[in-house]
């Protein structure tokens, strides 16, 4: 349990450091990650629709 907390604190500290040293880079990375997440969500929903359609 303590290892999870330590990893969480480390991630937060690294993100805060990144935000203060290179906020533009962090914004671009967050935008790219959000775009990839949206693409994955679209692919998942398309796969579910195809699967349900194949069942009928």
PDB file of N, CA and C in Angstrom:
ATOM      1  N   UNK A   1       0.817  -1.189   0.000  1.00  0.00           N
ATOM      2  CA  UNK A   1       0.000   0.000   0.000  1.00  0.00           C
ATOM      3  C   UNK A   1       0.864   1.257   0.000  1.00  0.00           C
ATOM      4  N   UNK A   2       1.945   1.234   0.719  1.00  0.00           N
ATOM      5  CA  UNK A   2       2.822   2.399   0.766  1.00  0.00           C
ATOM      6  C   UNK A   2       3.509   2.641  -0.570  1.00  0.00           C
ATOM      7  N   UNK A   3       3.763   1.571  -1.312  1.00  0.00           N
ATOM      8  CA  UNK A   3       4.397   1.720  -2.616  1.00  0.00           C
ATOM      9  C   UNK A   3       3.465   2.449  -3.581  1.00  0.00           C
ATOM     10  N   UNK A   4       2.181   2.184  -3.499  1.00  0.00           N
ATOM     11  CA  UNK A   4       1.205   2.866  -4.367  1.00  0.00           C
ATOM     12  C   UNK A   4       1.177   4.353  -4.061  1.00  0.00           C
ATOM     13  N   UNK A   5       1.207   4.697  -2.786  1.00  0.00           N
ATOM     14  CA  UNK A   5       1.210   6.102  -2.396  1.00  0.00           C
ATOM     15  C   UNK A   5       2.490   6.787  -2.864  1.00  0.00           C
ATOM     16  N   UNK A   6       3.613   6.090  -2.742  1.00  0.00           N
ATOM     17  CA  UNK A   6       4.884   6.667  -3.153  1.00  0.00           C
ATOM     18  C   UNK A   6       4.909   6.904  -4.658  1.00  0.00           C
ATOM     19  N   UNK A   7       4.383   5.977  -5.420  1.00  0.00           N
ATOM     20  CA  UNK A   7       4.336   6.140  -6.875  1.00  0.00           C
ATOM     21  C   UNK A   7       3.413   7.291  -7.237  1.00  0.00           C
ATOM     22  N   UNK A   8       2.281   7.407  -6.574  1.00  0.00           N
ATOM     23  CA  UNK A   8       1.350   8.501  -6.834  1.00  0.00           C
ATOM     24  C   UNK A   8       1.994   9.853  -6.527  1.00  0.00           C
ATOM     25  N   UNK A   9       2.670   9.945  -5.404  1.00  0.00           N
ATOM     26  CA  UNK A   9       3.357  11.190  -5.043  1.00  0.00           C
ATOM     27  C   UNK A   9       4.439  11.510  -6.063  1.00  0.00           C
ATOM     28  N   UNK A  10       5.174  10.518  -6.493  1.00  0.00           N
ATOM     29  CA  UNK A  10       6.223  10.728  -7.485  1.00  0.00           C
ATOM     30  C   UNK A  10       5.650  11.228  -8.805  1.00  0.00           C
ATOM     31  N   UNK A  11       4.539  10.651  -9.240  1.00  0.00           N
ATOM     32  CA  UNK A  11       3.905  11.091 -10.493  1.00  0.00           C
ATOM     33  C   UNK A  11       3.419  12.532 -10.365  1.00  0.00           C
ATOM     34  N   UNK A  12       2.813  12.871  -9.248  1.00  0.00           N
ATOM     35  CA  UNK A  12       2.325  14.234  -9.041  1.00  0.00           C
ATOM     36  C   UNK A  12       3.488  15.222  -9.028  1.00  0.00           C
ATOM     37  N   UNK A  13       4.565  14.884  -8.358  1.00  0.00           N
ATOM     38  CA  UNK A  13       5.736  15.764  -8.308  1.00  0.00           C
ATOM     39  C   UNK A  13       6.327  15.942  -9.704  1.00  0.00           C
ATOM     40  N   UNK A  14       6.438  14.874 -10.463  1.00  0.00           N
ATOM     41  CA  UNK A  14       6.989  14.981 -11.814  1.00  0.00           C
ATOM     42  C   UNK A  14       6.087  15.810 -12.725  1.00  0.00           C
ATOM     43  N   UNK A  15       4.774  15.645 -12.617  1.00  0.00           N
ATOM     44  CA  UNK A  15       3.857  16.455 -13.418  1.00  0.00           C
ATOM     45  C   UNK A  15       3.934  17.928 -13.023  1.00  0.00           C
ATOM     46  N   UNK A  16       4.033  18.205 -11.740  1.00  0.00           N
ATOM     47  CA  UNK A  16       4.161  19.597 -11.288  1.00  0.00           C
ATOM     48  C   UNK A  16       5.464  20.201 -11.792  1.00  0.00           C
ATOM     49  N   UNK A  17       6.552  19.440 -11.725  1.00  0.00           N
ATOM     50  CA  UNK A  17       7.834  19.924 -12.234  1.00  0.00           C
ATOM     51  C   UNK A  17       7.750  20.204 -13.726  1.00  0.00           C
ATOM     52  N   UNK A  18       7.117  19.302 -14.465  1.00  0.00           N
ATOM     53  CA  UNK A  18       6.958  19.477 -15.907  1.00  0.00           C
ATOM     54  C   UNK A  18       6.117  20.706 -16.207  1.00  0.00           C
ATOM     55  N   UNK A  19       5.059  20.914 -15.399  1.00  0.00           N
ATOM     56  CA  UNK A  19       4.174  22.045 -15.617  1.00  0.00           C
ATOM     57  C   UNK A  19       4.916  23.370 -15.419  1.00  0.00           C
ATOM     58  N   UNK A  20       5.793  23.440 -14.440  1.00  0.00           N
ATOM     59  CA  UNK A  20       6.505  24.684 -14.176  1.00  0.00           C
ATOM     60  C   UNK A  20       7.691  24.892 -15.107  1.00  0.00           C
ATOM     61  N   UNK A  21       8.303  23.827 -15.597  1.00  0.00           N
ATOM     62  CA  UNK A  21       9.468  23.980 -16.463  1.00  0.00           C
ATOM     63  C   UNK A  21       9.111  24.058 -17.940  1.00  0.00           C
ATOM     64  N   UNK A  22       8.053  23.351 -18.367  1.00  0.00           N
ATOM     65  CA  UNK A  22       7.679  23.340 -19.777  1.00  0.00           C
ATOM     66  C   UNK A  22       6.163  23.195 -19.912  1.00  0.00           C
ATOM     67  N   UNK A  23       5.422  24.251 -19.594  1.00  0.00           N
ATOM     68  CA  UNK A  23       3.957  24.125 -19.638  1.00  0.00           C
ATOM     69  C   UNK A  23       3.422  23.873 -21.048  1.00  0.00           C
ATOM     70  N   UNK A  24       4.087  24.419 -22.063  1.00  0.00           N
ATOM     71  CA  UNK A  24       3.638  24.196 -23.436  1.00  0.00           C
ATOM     72  C   UNK A  24       3.804  22.726 -23.832  1.00  0.00           C
ATOM     73  N   UNK A  25       4.908  22.138 -23.441  1.00  0.00           N
ATOM     74  CA  UNK A  25       5.134  20.724 -23.728  1.00  0.00           C
ATOM     75  C   UNK A  25       4.131  19.832 -23.024  1.00  0.00           C
ATOM     76  N   UNK A  26       3.802  20.180 -21.786  1.00  0.00           N
ATOM     77  CA  UNK A  26       2.807  19.410 -21.047  1.00  0.00           C
ATOM     78  C   UNK A  26       1.441  19.528 -21.711  1.00  0.00           C
ATOM     79  N   UNK A  27       1.098  20.726 -22.167  1.00  0.00           N
ATOM     80  CA  UNK A  27      -0.190  20.927 -22.836  1.00  0.00           C
ATOM     81  C   UNK A  27      -0.258  20.123 -24.133  1.00  0.00           C
ATOM     82  N   UNK A  28       0.832  20.123 -24.903  1.00  0.00           N
ATOM     83  CA  UNK A  28       0.845  19.326 -26.143  1.00  0.00           C
ATOM     84  C   UNK A  28       0.732  17.843 -25.846  1.00  0.00           C
ATOM     85  N   UNK A  29       1.440  17.370 -24.826  1.00  0.00           N
ATOM     86  CA  UNK A  29       1.374  15.954 -24.467  1.00  0.00           C
ATOM     87  C   UNK A  29      -0.021  15.566 -23.989  1.00  0.00           C
ATOM     88  N   UNK A  30      -0.643  16.444 -23.195  1.00  0.00           N
ATOM     89  CA  UNK A  30      -1.997  16.162 -22.706  1.00  0.00           C
ATOM     90  C   UNK A  30      -2.985  16.148 -23.873  1.00  0.00           C
ATOM     91  N   UNK A  31      -2.816  17.076 -24.815  1.00  0.00           N
ATOM     92  CA  UNK A  31      -3.699  17.094 -25.986  1.00  0.00           C
ATOM     93  C   UNK A  31      -3.543  15.853 -26.837  1.00  0.00           C
ATOM     94  N   UNK A  32      -2.300  15.421 -27.018  1.00  0.00           N
ATOM     95  CA  UNK A  32      -2.054  14.210 -27.799  1.00  0.00           C
ATOM     96  C   UNK A  32      -2.631  12.983 -27.097  1.00  0.00           C
ATOM     97  N   UNK A  33      -2.487  12.928 -25.777  1.00  0.00           N
ATOM     98  CA  UNK A  33      -3.027  11.796 -25.022  1.00  0.00           C
ATOM     99  C   UNK A  33      -4.546  11.781 -25.096  1.00  0.00           C
ATOM    100  N   UNK A  34      -5.161  12.955 -25.014  1.00  0.00           N
ATOM    101  CA  UNK A  34      -6.617  13.019 -25.114  1.00  0.00           C
ATOM    102  C   UNK A  34      -7.084  12.588 -26.503  1.00  0.00           C
ATOM    103  N   UNK A  35      -6.341  12.970 -27.537  1.00  0.00           N
ATOM    104  CA  UNK A  35      -6.688  12.553 -28.893  1.00  0.00           C
ATOM    105  C   UNK A  35      -6.597  11.047 -29.060  1.00  0.00           C
ATOM    106  N   UNK A  36      -5.551  10.455 -28.512  1.00  0.00           N
ATOM    107  CA  UNK A  36      -5.403   8.997 -28.589  1.00  0.00           C
ATOM    108  C   UNK A  36      -6.502   8.294 -27.801  1.00  0.00           C
ATOM    109  N   UNK A  37      -6.850   8.832 -26.634  1.00  0.00           N
ATOM    110  CA  UNK A  37      -7.921   8.234 -25.835  1.00  0.00           C
ATOM    111  C   UNK A  37      -9.244   8.287 -26.586  1.00  0.00           C
ATOM    112  N   UNK A  38      -9.496   9.397 -27.286  1.00  0.00           N
ATOM    113  CA  UNK A  38     -10.737   9.522 -28.065  1.00  0.00           C
ATOM    114  C   UNK A  38     -10.750   8.507 -29.203  1.00  0.00           C
ATOM    115  N   UNK A  39      -9.618   8.328 -29.874  1.00  0.00           N
ATOM    116  CA  UNK A  39      -9.534   7.344 -30.956  1.00  0.00           C
ATOM    117  C   UNK A  39      -9.794   5.937 -30.431  1.00  0.00           C
ATOM    118  N   UNK A  40      -9.205   5.606 -29.285  1.00  0.00           N
ATOM    119  CA  UNK A  40      -9.424   4.287 -28.700  1.00  0.00           C
ATOM    120  C   UNK A  40     -10.889   4.084 -28.307  1.00  0.00           C
ATOM    121  N   UNK A  41     -11.521   5.125 -27.774  1.00  0.00           N
ATOM    122  CA  UNK A  41     -12.932   5.028 -27.407  1.00  0.00           C
ATOM    123  C   UNK A  41     -13.786   4.796 -28.651  1.00  0.00           C
ATOM    124  N   UNK A  42     -13.466   5.485 -29.735  1.00  0.00           N
ATOM    125  CA  UNK A  42     -14.218   5.296 -30.978  1.00  0.00           C
ATOM    126  C   UNK A  42     -14.034   3.880 -31.510  1.00  0.00           C
ATOM    127  N   UNK A  43     -12.814   3.371 -31.463  1.00  0.00           N
ATOM    128  CA  UNK A  43     -12.557   2.012 -31.940  1.00  0.00           C
ATOM    129  C   UNK A  43     -13.297   0.989 -31.086  1.00  0.00           C
ATOM    130  N   UNK A  44     -13.312   1.214 -29.767  1.00  0.00           N
ATOM    131  CA  UNK A  44     -14.007   0.295 -28.870  1.00  0.00           C
ATOM    132  C   UNK A  44     -15.499   0.279 -29.167  1.00  0.00           C
ATOM    133  N   UNK A  45     -16.093   1.456 -29.314  1.00  0.00           N
ATOM    134  CA  UNK A  45     -17.524   1.513 -29.593  1.00  0.00           C
ATOM    135  C   UNK A  45     -17.857   0.910 -30.954  1.00  0.00           C
ATOM    136  N   UNK A  46     -17.010   1.132 -31.936  1.00  0.00           N
ATOM    137  CA  UNK A  46     -17.220   0.525 -33.251  1.00  0.00           C
ATOM    138  C   UNK A  46     -17.147  -0.997 -33.158  1.00  0.00           C
ATOM    139  N   UNK A  47     -16.194  -1.501 -32.393  1.00  0.00           N
ATOM    140  CA  UNK A  47     -16.060  -2.944 -32.222  1.00  0.00           C
ATOM    141  C   UNK A  47     -17.278  -3.526 -31.513  1.00  0.00           C
ATOM    142  N   UNK A  48     -17.800  -2.812 -30.517  1.00  0.00           N
ATOM    143  CA  UNK A  48     -18.990  -3.291 -29.812  1.00  0.00           C
ATOM    144  C   UNK A  48     -20.192  -3.323 -30.750  1.00  0.00           C
ATOM    145  N   UNK A  49     -20.358  -2.278 -31.547  1.00  0.00           N
ATOM    146  CA  UNK A  49     -21.481  -2.241 -32.505  1.00  0.00           C
ATOM    147  C   UNK A  49     -21.341  -3.374 -33.529  1.00  0.00           C
ATOM    148  N   UNK A  50     -20.138  -3.597 -34.022  1.00  0.00           N
ATOM    149  CA  UNK A  50     -19.923  -4.689 -34.968  1.00  0.00           C
ATOM    150  C   UNK A  50     -20.206  -6.044 -34.337  1.00  0.00           C
ATOM    151  N   UNK A  51     -19.796  -6.217 -33.074  1.00  0.00           N
ATOM    152  CA  UNK A  51     -20.018  -7.481 -32.381  1.00  0.00           C
ATOM    153  C   UNK A  51     -21.515  -7.735 -32.182  1.00  0.00           C
ATOM    154  N   UNK A  52     -22.226  -6.715 -31.712  1.00  0.00           N
ATOM    155  CA  UNK A  52     -23.659  -6.861 -31.496  1.00  0.00           C
ATOM    156  C   UNK A  52     -24.373  -7.090 -32.820  1.00  0.00           C
ATOM    157  N   UNK A  53     -23.928  -6.404 -33.870  1.00  0.00           N
ATOM    158  CA  UNK A  53     -24.513  -6.611 -35.178  1.00  0.00           C
ATOM    159  C   UNK A  53     -24.279  -8.005 -35.710  1.00  0.00           C
ATOM    160  N   UNK A  54     -23.139  -8.604 -35.383  1.00  0.00           N
ATOM    161  CA  UNK A  54     -22.840  -9.957 -35.837  1.00  0.00           C
ATOM    162  C   UNK A  54     -23.672 -10.991 -35.085  1.00  0.00           C
ATOM    163  N   UNK A  55     -24.127 -10.656 -33.900  1.00  0.00           N
ATOM    164  CA  UNK A  55     -24.933 -11.600 -33.117  1.00  0.00           C
ATOM    165  C   UNK A  55     -26.335 -11.747 -33.684  1.00  0.00           C
ATOM    166  N   UNK A  56     -26.835 -10.719 -34.353  1.00  0.00           N
ATOM    167  CA  UNK A  56     -28.214 -10.774 -34.832  1.00  0.00           C
ATOM    168  C   UNK A  56     -28.308 -11.400 -36.193  1.00  0.00           C
TER     169      UNK A  56
END
